Amino acid sequence: MDIETRKKRILYRASHRGTKEADHIVGGFFAARTAGLQPDQLDDADRILDLLDVDLMDWIIKKQPVPDDMRSVLLDELVAFGRAKG
């Protein structure tokens, strides 16, 4: 799959999560960041989008810490973005 198709797929998956809150936060983050993602970051974006909304939201609202084995620069940026959205 070419890079532009992958980016479109990421944007779609990010904004169609299943809950309005996740659509707003995850979708908003990837809407702002996807165009600038490098090819090696696309795999990380897919990995993040495979995570459950409940886990992502727990990390964003600080209900649970982000597990060390799940951390990445992109995930840390998403969590910070979500926390800034309040």
PDB file of N, CA and C in Angstrom:
ATOM      1  N   MET A   1       0.858  -1.174   0.000  1.00  0.00           N
ATOM      2  CA  MET A   1       0.000   0.000   0.000  1.00  0.00           C
ATOM      3  C   MET A   1       0.906   1.239   0.000  1.00  0.00           C
ATOM      4  N   ASP A   2       0.590   2.208  -0.852  1.00  0.00           N
ATOM      5  CA  ASP A   2       1.441   3.396  -0.915  1.00  0.00           C
ATOM      6  C   ASP A   2       1.211   4.287   0.312  1.00  0.00           C
ATOM      7  N   ILE A   3       2.125   5.210   0.532  1.00  0.00           N
ATOM      8  CA  ILE A   3       2.119   6.048   1.735  1.00  0.00           C
ATOM      9  C   ILE A   3       0.845   6.892   1.839  1.00  0.00           C
ATOM     10  N   GLU A   4       0.424   7.501   0.764  1.00  0.00           N
ATOM     11  CA  GLU A   4      -0.772   8.359   0.820  1.00  0.00           C
ATOM     12  C   GLU A   4      -2.023   7.555   1.147  1.00  0.00           C
ATOM     13  N   THR A   5      -2.126   6.356   0.626  1.00  0.00           N
ATOM     14  CA  THR A   5      -3.266   5.496   0.942  1.00  0.00           C
ATOM     15  C   THR A   5      -3.232   5.100   2.416  1.00  0.00           C
ATOM     16  N   ARG A   6      -2.051   4.779   2.923  1.00  0.00           N
ATOM     17  CA  ARG A   6      -1.920   4.451   4.349  1.00  0.00           C
ATOM     18  C   ARG A   6      -2.329   5.630   5.219  1.00  0.00           C
ATOM     19  N   LYS A   7      -1.930   6.830   4.831  1.00  0.00           N
ATOM     20  CA  LYS A   7      -2.283   8.016   5.617  1.00  0.00           C
ATOM     21  C   LYS A   7      -3.796   8.241   5.618  1.00  0.00           C
ATOM     22  N   LYS A   8      -4.440   8.047   4.492  1.00  0.00           N
ATOM     23  CA  LYS A   8      -5.904   8.190   4.429  1.00  0.00           C
ATOM     24  C   LYS A   8      -6.578   7.147   5.315  1.00  0.00           C
ATOM     25  N   ARG A   9      -6.046   5.947   5.291  1.00  0.00           N
ATOM     26  CA  ARG A   9      -6.596   4.872   6.117  1.00  0.00           C
ATOM     27  C   ARG A   9      -6.437   5.205   7.603  1.00  0.00           C
ATOM     28  N   ILE A  10      -5.282   5.729   7.974  1.00  0.00           N
ATOM     29  CA  ILE A  10      -5.034   6.126   9.365  1.00  0.00           C
ATOM     30  C   ILE A  10      -6.013   7.214   9.786  1.00  0.00           C
ATOM     31  N   LEU A  11      -6.199   8.216   8.944  1.00  0.00           N
ATOM     32  CA  LEU A  11      -7.148   9.290   9.269  1.00  0.00           C
ATOM     33  C   LEU A  11      -8.560   8.751   9.455  1.00  0.00           C
ATOM     34  N   TYR A  12      -8.975   7.859   8.600  1.00  0.00           N
ATOM     35  CA  TYR A  12     -10.312   7.272   8.721  1.00  0.00           C
ATOM     36  C   TYR A  12     -10.439   6.495  10.027  1.00  0.00           C
ATOM     37  N   ARG A  13      -9.482   5.624  10.303  1.00  0.00           N
ATOM     38  CA  ARG A  13      -9.529   4.820  11.528  1.00  0.00           C
ATOM     39  C   ARG A  13      -9.492   5.692  12.776  1.00  0.00           C
ATOM     40  N   ALA A  14      -8.738   6.770  12.723  1.00  0.00           N
ATOM     41  CA  ALA A  14      -8.609   7.652  13.884  1.00  0.00           C
ATOM     42  C   ALA A  14      -9.898   8.396  14.188  1.00  0.00           C
ATOM     43  N   SER A  15     -10.660   8.717  13.177  1.00  0.00           N
ATOM     44  CA  SER A  15     -11.870   9.523  13.394  1.00  0.00           C
ATOM     45  C   SER A  15     -13.144   8.683  13.442  1.00  0.00           C
ATOM     46  N   HIS A  16     -13.006   7.373  13.350  1.00  0.00           N
ATOM     47  CA  HIS A  16     -14.155   6.466  13.454  1.00  0.00           C
ATOM     48  C   HIS A  16     -13.857   5.399  14.499  1.00  0.00           C
ATOM     49  N   ARG A  17     -13.680   5.856  15.738  1.00  0.00           N
ATOM     50  CA  ARG A  17     -13.254   4.971  16.816  1.00  0.00           C
ATOM     51  C   ARG A  17     -14.421   4.229  17.462  1.00  0.00           C
ATOM     52  N   GLY A  18     -15.566   4.855  17.566  1.00  0.00           N
ATOM     53  CA  GLY A  18     -16.693   4.212  18.228  1.00  0.00           C
ATOM     54  C   GLY A  18     -17.281   5.038  19.349  1.00  0.00           C
ATOM     55  N   THR A  19     -16.493   5.941  19.914  1.00  0.00           N
ATOM     56  CA  THR A  19     -17.022   6.870  20.911  1.00  0.00           C
ATOM     57  C   THR A  19     -16.718   8.288  20.441  1.00  0.00           C
ATOM     58  N   LYS A  20     -17.613   9.198  20.781  1.00  0.00           N
ATOM     59  CA  LYS A  20     -17.408  10.587  20.353  1.00  0.00           C
ATOM     60  C   LYS A  20     -16.135  11.171  20.949  1.00  0.00           C
ATOM     61  N   GLU A  21     -15.866  10.834  22.210  1.00  0.00           N
ATOM     62  CA  GLU A  21     -14.676  11.369  22.871  1.00  0.00           C
ATOM     63  C   GLU A  21     -13.401  10.910  22.153  1.00  0.00           C
ATOM     64  N   ALA A  22     -13.334   9.623  21.859  1.00  0.00           N
ATOM     65  CA  ALA A  22     -12.152   9.096  21.176  1.00  0.00           C
ATOM     66  C   ALA A  22     -12.072   9.628  19.752  1.00  0.00           C
ATOM     67  N   ASP A  23     -13.208   9.730  19.070  1.00  0.00           N
ATOM     68  CA  ASP A  23     -13.213  10.303  17.721  1.00  0.00           C
ATOM     69  C   ASP A  23     -12.640  11.715  17.756  1.00  0.00           C
ATOM     70  N   HIS A  24     -13.053  12.475  18.752  1.00  0.00           N
ATOM     71  CA  HIS A  24     -12.624  13.875  18.870  1.00  0.00           C
ATOM     72  C   HIS A  24     -11.121  13.965  19.181  1.00  0.00           C
ATOM     73  N   ILE A  25     -10.674  13.203  20.160  1.00  0.00           N
ATOM     74  CA  ILE A  25      -9.276  13.319  20.585  1.00  0.00           C
ATOM     75  C   ILE A  25      -8.336  12.602  19.628  1.00  0.00           C
ATOM     76  N   VAL A  26      -8.576  11.339  19.390  1.00  0.00           N
ATOM     77  CA  VAL A  26      -7.683  10.565  18.516  1.00  0.00           C
ATOM     78  C   VAL A  26      -7.777  11.088  17.088  1.00  0.00           C
ATOM     79  N   GLY A  27      -9.005  11.315  16.625  1.00  0.00           N
ATOM     80  CA  GLY A  27      -9.194  11.849  15.283  1.00  0.00           C
ATOM     81  C   GLY A  27      -8.582  13.225  15.121  1.00  0.00           C
ATOM     82  N   GLY A  28      -8.754  14.073  16.133  1.00  0.00           N
ATOM     83  CA  GLY A  28      -8.175  15.415  16.083  1.00  0.00           C
ATOM     84  C   GLY A  28      -6.659  15.387  16.036  1.00  0.00           C
ATOM     85  N   PHE A  29      -6.083  14.516  16.836  1.00  0.00           N
ATOM     86  CA  PHE A  29      -4.624  14.387  16.849  1.00  0.00           C
ATOM     87  C   PHE A  29      -4.107  13.948  15.480  1.00  0.00           C
ATOM     88  N   PHE A  30      -4.681  12.884  14.956  1.00  0.00           N
ATOM     89  CA  PHE A  30      -4.186  12.379  13.677  1.00  0.00           C
ATOM     90  C   PHE A  30      -4.541  13.300  12.509  1.00  0.00           C
ATOM     91  N   ALA A  31      -5.620  14.055  12.616  1.00  0.00           N
ATOM     92  CA  ALA A  31      -5.933  15.037  11.575  1.00  0.00           C
ATOM     93  C   ALA A  31      -4.836  16.103  11.516  1.00  0.00           C
ATOM     94  N   ALA A  32      -4.317  16.447  12.683  1.00  0.00           N
ATOM     95  CA  ALA A  32      -3.267  17.463  12.745  1.00  0.00           C
ATOM     96  C   ALA A  32      -1.889  16.908  12.382  1.00  0.00           C
ATOM     97  N   ARG A  33      -1.662  15.617  12.604  1.00  0.00           N
ATOM     98  CA  ARG A  33      -0.316  15.061  12.472  1.00  0.00           C
ATOM     99  C   ARG A  33      -0.063  14.165  11.272  1.00  0.00           C
ATOM    100  N   THR A  34      -1.090  13.550  10.713  1.00  0.00           N
ATOM    101  CA  THR A  34      -0.872  12.508   9.707  1.00  0.00           C
ATOM    102  C   THR A  34      -0.110  12.995   8.480  1.00  0.00           C
ATOM    103  N   ALA A  35      -0.402  14.168   7.990  1.00  0.00           N
ATOM    104  CA  ALA A  35       0.281  14.661   6.787  1.00  0.00           C
ATOM    105  C   ALA A  35       1.797  14.691   6.981  1.00  0.00           C
ATOM    106  N   GLY A  36       2.246  14.975   8.183  1.00  0.00           N
ATOM    107  CA  GLY A  36       3.676  15.078   8.456  1.00  0.00           C
ATOM    108  C   GLY A  36       4.342  13.801   8.923  1.00  0.00           C
ATOM    109  N   LEU A  37       3.588  12.709   9.026  1.00  0.00           N
ATOM    110  CA  LEU A  37       4.186  11.463   9.484  1.00  0.00           C
ATOM    111  C   LEU A  37       5.160  10.914   8.454  1.00  0.00           C
ATOM    112  N   GLN A  38       6.271  10.440   8.946  1.00  0.00           N
ATOM    113  CA  GLN A  38       7.274   9.798   8.102  1.00  0.00           C
ATOM    114  C   GLN A  38       6.882   8.332   7.914  1.00  0.00           C
ATOM    115  N   PRO A  39       7.362   7.711   6.853  1.00  0.00           N
ATOM    116  CA  PRO A  39       6.989   6.310   6.592  1.00  0.00           C
ATOM    117  C   PRO A  39       7.199   5.381   7.786  1.00  0.00           C
ATOM    118  N   ASP A  40       8.292   5.568   8.531  1.00  0.00           N
ATOM    119  CA  ASP A  40       8.540   4.687   9.675  1.00  0.00           C
ATOM    120  C   ASP A  40       7.564   4.940  10.824  1.00  0.00           C
ATOM    121  N   GLN A  41       6.904   6.091  10.847  1.00  0.00           N
ATOM    122  CA  GLN A  41       5.931   6.393  11.895  1.00  0.00           C
ATOM    123  C   GLN A  41       4.550   5.817  11.584  1.00  0.00           C
ATOM    124  N   LEU A  42       4.314   5.427  10.354  1.00  0.00           N
ATOM    125  CA  LEU A  42       3.006   4.898   9.983  1.00  0.00           C
ATOM    126  C   LEU A  42       2.719   3.577  10.680  1.00  0.00           C
ATOM    127  N   ASP A  43       3.739   2.747  10.864  1.00  0.00           N
ATOM    128  CA  ASP A  43       3.547   1.489  11.585  1.00  0.00           C
ATOM    129  C   ASP A  43       3.152   1.768  13.033  1.00  0.00           C
ATOM    130  N   ASP A  44       3.782   2.761  13.642  1.00  0.00           N
ATOM    131  CA  ASP A  44       3.441   3.125  15.020  1.00  0.00           C
ATOM    132  C   ASP A  44       2.017   3.658  15.090  1.00  0.00           C
ATOM    133  N   ALA A  45       1.616   4.454  14.112  1.00  0.00           N
ATOM    134  CA  ALA A  45       0.249   4.969  14.077  1.00  0.00           C
ATOM    135  C   ALA A  45      -0.756   3.819  13.991  1.00  0.00           C
ATOM    136  N   ASP A  46      -0.471   2.846  13.139  1.00  0.00           N
ATOM    137  CA  ASP A  46      -1.354   1.675  13.037  1.00  0.00           C
ATOM    138  C   ASP A  46      -1.411   0.915  14.359  1.00  0.00           C
ATOM    139  N   ARG A  47      -0.269   0.769  15.007  1.00  0.00           N
ATOM    140  CA  ARG A  47      -0.225   0.073  16.304  1.00  0.00           C
ATOM    141  C   ARG A  47      -1.077   0.802  17.334  1.00  0.00           C
ATOM    142  N   ILE A  48      -0.987   2.124  17.354  1.00  0.00           N
ATOM    143  CA  ILE A  48      -1.781   2.925  18.291  1.00  0.00           C
ATOM    144  C   ILE A  48      -3.266   2.767  17.989  1.00  0.00           C
ATOM    145  N   LEU A  49      -3.619   2.792  16.726  1.00  0.00           N
ATOM    146  CA  LEU A  49      -5.022   2.691  16.350  1.00  0.00           C
ATOM    147  C   LEU A  49      -5.595   1.295  16.590  1.00  0.00           C
ATOM    148  N   ASP A  50      -4.744   0.305  16.794  1.00  0.00           N
ATOM    149  CA  ASP A  50      -5.203  -1.033  17.159  1.00  0.00           C
ATOM    150  C   ASP A  50      -5.548  -1.135  18.650  1.00  0.00           C
ATOM    151  N   LEU A  51      -5.131  -0.154  19.434  1.00  0.00           N
ATOM    152  CA  LEU A  51      -5.412  -0.169  20.871  1.00  0.00           C
ATOM    153  C   LEU A  51      -6.885   0.119  21.139  1.00  0.00           C
ATOM    154  N   LEU A  52      -7.347  -0.353  22.271  1.00  0.00           N
ATOM    155  CA  LEU A  52      -8.731  -0.113  22.668  1.00  0.00           C
ATOM    156  C   LEU A  52      -8.928   1.335  23.112  1.00  0.00           C
ATOM    157  N   ASP A  53     -10.093   1.888  22.790  1.00  0.00           N
ATOM    158  CA  ASP A  53     -10.418   3.255  23.211  1.00  0.00           C
ATOM    159  C   ASP A  53     -10.334   3.402  24.722  1.00  0.00           C
ATOM    160  N   VAL A  54     -10.814   2.405  25.437  1.00  0.00           N
ATOM    161  CA  VAL A  54     -10.823   2.491  26.899  1.00  0.00           C
ATOM    162  C   VAL A  54      -9.397   2.634  27.435  1.00  0.00           C
ATOM    163  N   ASP A  55      -8.444   1.924  26.853  1.00  0.00           N
ATOM    164  CA  ASP A  55      -7.053   2.056  27.295  1.00  0.00           C
ATOM    165  C   ASP A  55      -6.505   3.438  26.956  1.00  0.00           C
ATOM    166  N   LEU A  56      -6.716   3.878  25.735  1.00  0.00           N
ATOM    167  CA  LEU A  56      -6.239   5.207  25.335  1.00  0.00           C
ATOM    168  C   LEU A  56      -6.817   6.293  26.233  1.00  0.00           C
ATOM    169  N   MET A  57      -8.115   6.229  26.465  1.00  0.00           N
ATOM    170  CA  MET A  57      -8.752   7.270  27.277  1.00  0.00           C
ATOM    171  C   MET A  57      -8.296   7.201  28.731  1.00  0.00           C
ATOM    172  N   ASP A  58      -8.086   5.997  29.267  1.00  0.00           N
ATOM    173  CA  ASP A  58      -7.563   5.872  30.636  1.00  0.00           C
ATOM    174  C   ASP A  58      -6.202   6.531  30.763  1.00  0.00           C
ATOM    175  N   TRP A  59      -5.366   6.373  29.739  1.00  0.00           N
ATOM    176  CA  TRP A  59      -4.042   6.989  29.766  1.00  0.00           C
ATOM    177  C   TRP A  59      -4.146   8.508  29.632  1.00  0.00           C
ATOM    178  N   ILE A  60      -5.061   8.963  28.811  1.00  0.00           N
ATOM    179  CA  ILE A  60      -5.216  10.403  28.586  1.00  0.00           C
ATOM    180  C   ILE A  60      -5.738  11.100  29.837  1.00  0.00           C
ATOM    181  N   ILE A  61      -6.716  10.500  30.506  1.00  0.00           N
ATOM    182  CA  ILE A  61      -7.287  11.143  31.696  1.00  0.00           C
ATOM    183  C   ILE A  61      -6.534  10.790  32.980  1.00  0.00           C
ATOM    184  N   LYS A  62      -5.410  10.101  32.826  1.00  0.00           N
ATOM    185  CA  LYS A  62      -4.526   9.725  33.926  1.00  0.00           C
ATOM    186  C   LYS A  62      -5.160   8.741  34.899  1.00  0.00           C
ATOM    187  N   LYS A  63      -6.130   7.981  34.422  1.00  0.00           N
ATOM    188  CA  LYS A  63      -6.718   6.933  35.259  1.00  0.00           C
ATOM    189  C   LYS A  63      -5.713   5.800  35.433  1.00  0.00           C
ATOM    190  N   GLN A  64      -4.930   5.553  34.393  1.00  0.00           N
ATOM    191  CA  GLN A  64      -3.882   4.540  34.402  1.00  0.00           C
ATOM    192  C   GLN A  64      -2.646   5.129  33.724  1.00  0.00           C
ATOM    193  N   PRO A  65      -1.461   4.734  34.176  1.00  0.00           N
ATOM    194  CA  PRO A  65      -0.257   5.190  33.455  1.00  0.00           C
ATOM    195  C   PRO A  65      -0.093   4.407  32.157  1.00  0.00           C
ATOM    196  N   VAL A  66       0.559   5.023  31.203  1.00  0.00           N
ATOM    197  CA  VAL A  66       0.865   4.334  29.953  1.00  0.00           C
ATOM    198  C   VAL A  66       1.920   3.274  30.270  1.00  0.00           C
ATOM    199  N   PRO A  67       1.652   2.013  29.951  1.00  0.00           N
ATOM    200  CA  PRO A  67       2.651   0.967  30.209  1.00  0.00           C
ATOM    201  C   PRO A  67       3.945   1.249  29.436  1.00  0.00           C
ATOM    202  N   ASP A  68       5.053   0.996  30.074  1.00  0.00           N
ATOM    203  CA  ASP A  68       6.351   1.268  29.447  1.00  0.00           C
ATOM    204  C   ASP A  68       6.516   0.569  28.112  1.00  0.00           C
ATOM    205  N   ASP A  69       5.992  -0.651  27.995  1.00  0.00           N
ATOM    206  CA  ASP A  69       6.170  -1.392  26.748  1.00  0.00           C
ATOM    207  C   ASP A  69       5.282  -0.885  25.613  1.00  0.00           C
ATOM    208  N   MET A  70       4.357   0.016  25.922  1.00  0.00           N
ATOM    209  CA  MET A  70       3.471   0.593  24.907  1.00  0.00           C
ATOM    210  C   MET A  70       3.929   1.977  24.457  1.00  0.00           C
ATOM    211  N   ARG A  71       4.816   2.582  25.222  1.00  0.00           N
ATOM    212  CA  ARG A  71       5.217   3.963  24.954  1.00  0.00           C
ATOM    213  C   ARG A  71       5.958   4.099  23.635  1.00  0.00           C
ATOM    214  N   SER A  72       5.715   5.249  23.022  1.00  0.00           N
ATOM    215  CA  SER A  72       6.447   5.660  21.823  1.00  0.00           C
ATOM    216  C   SER A  72       6.321   7.174  21.753  1.00  0.00           C
ATOM    217  N   VAL A  73       7.115   7.783  20.946  1.00  0.00           N
ATOM    218  CA  VAL A  73       7.047   9.242  20.797  1.00  0.00           C
ATOM    219  C   VAL A  73       5.645   9.640  20.330  1.00  0.00           C
ATOM    220  N   LEU A  74       5.122   8.931  19.341  1.00  0.00           N
ATOM    221  CA  LEU A  74       3.812   9.274  18.795  1.00  0.00           C
ATOM    222  C   LEU A  74       2.701   9.077  19.825  1.00  0.00           C
ATOM    223  N   LEU A  75       2.746   7.997  20.575  1.00  0.00           N
ATOM    224  CA  LEU A  75       1.731   7.767  21.605  1.00  0.00           C
ATOM    225  C   LEU A  75       1.834   8.820  22.700  1.00  0.00           C
ATOM    226  N   ASP A  76       3.046   9.163  23.118  1.00  0.00           N
ATOM    227  CA  ASP A  76       3.217  10.215  24.122  1.00  0.00           C
ATOM    228  C   ASP A  76       2.648  11.543  23.625  1.00  0.00           C
ATOM    229  N   GLU A  77       2.830  11.838  22.338  1.00  0.00           N
ATOM    230  CA  GLU A  77       2.280  13.067  21.775  1.00  0.00           C
ATOM    231  C   GLU A  77       0.747  13.026  21.748  1.00  0.00           C
ATOM    232  N   LEU A  78       0.181  11.869  21.435  1.00  0.00           N
ATOM    233  CA  LEU A  78      -1.277  11.724  21.444  1.00  0.00           C
ATOM    234  C   LEU A  78      -1.823  11.925  22.852  1.00  0.00           C
ATOM    235  N   VAL A  79      -1.195  11.321  23.835  1.00  0.00           N
ATOM    236  CA  VAL A  79      -1.642  11.465  25.227  1.00  0.00           C
ATOM    237  C   VAL A  79      -1.549  12.935  25.652  1.00  0.00           C
ATOM    238  N   ALA A  80      -0.462  13.607  25.326  1.00  0.00           N
ATOM    239  CA  ALA A  80      -0.317  15.026  25.674  1.00  0.00           C
ATOM    240  C   ALA A  80      -1.382  15.864  24.963  1.00  0.00           C
ATOM    241  N   PHE A  81      -1.649  15.560  23.698  1.00  0.00           N
ATOM    242  CA  PHE A  81      -2.673  16.254  22.938  1.00  0.00           C
ATOM    243  C   PHE A  81      -4.039  16.089  23.620  1.00  0.00           C
ATOM    244  N   GLY A  82      -4.357  14.863  24.004  1.00  0.00           N
ATOM    245  CA  GLY A  82      -5.638  14.606  24.661  1.00  0.00           C
ATOM    246  C   GLY A  82      -5.760  15.313  25.994  1.00  0.00           C
ATOM    247  N   ARG A  83      -4.693  15.336  26.756  1.00  0.00           N
ATOM    248  CA  ARG A  83      -4.716  16.024  28.052  1.00  0.00           C
ATOM    249  C   ARG A  83      -4.883  17.526  27.868  1.00  0.00           C
ATOM    250  N   ALA A  84      -4.289  18.082  26.834  1.00  0.00           N
ATOM    251  CA  ALA A  84      -4.431  19.510  26.570  1.00  0.00           C
ATOM    252  C   ALA A  84      -5.852  19.858  26.160  1.00  0.00           C
ATOM    253  N   LYS A  85      -6.530  18.907  25.507  1.00  0.00           N
ATOM    254  CA  LYS A  85      -7.935  19.134  25.095  1.00  0.00           C
ATOM    255  C   LYS A  85      -8.853  19.134  26.296  1.00  0.00           C
ATOM    256  N   GLY A  86      -8.401  18.483  27.370  1.00  0.00           N
ATOM    257  CA  GLY A  86      -9.174  18.439  28.607  1.00  0.00           C
ATOM    258  C   GLY A  86     -10.367  17.632  28.487  1.00  0.00           C
TER     259      GLY A  86
END
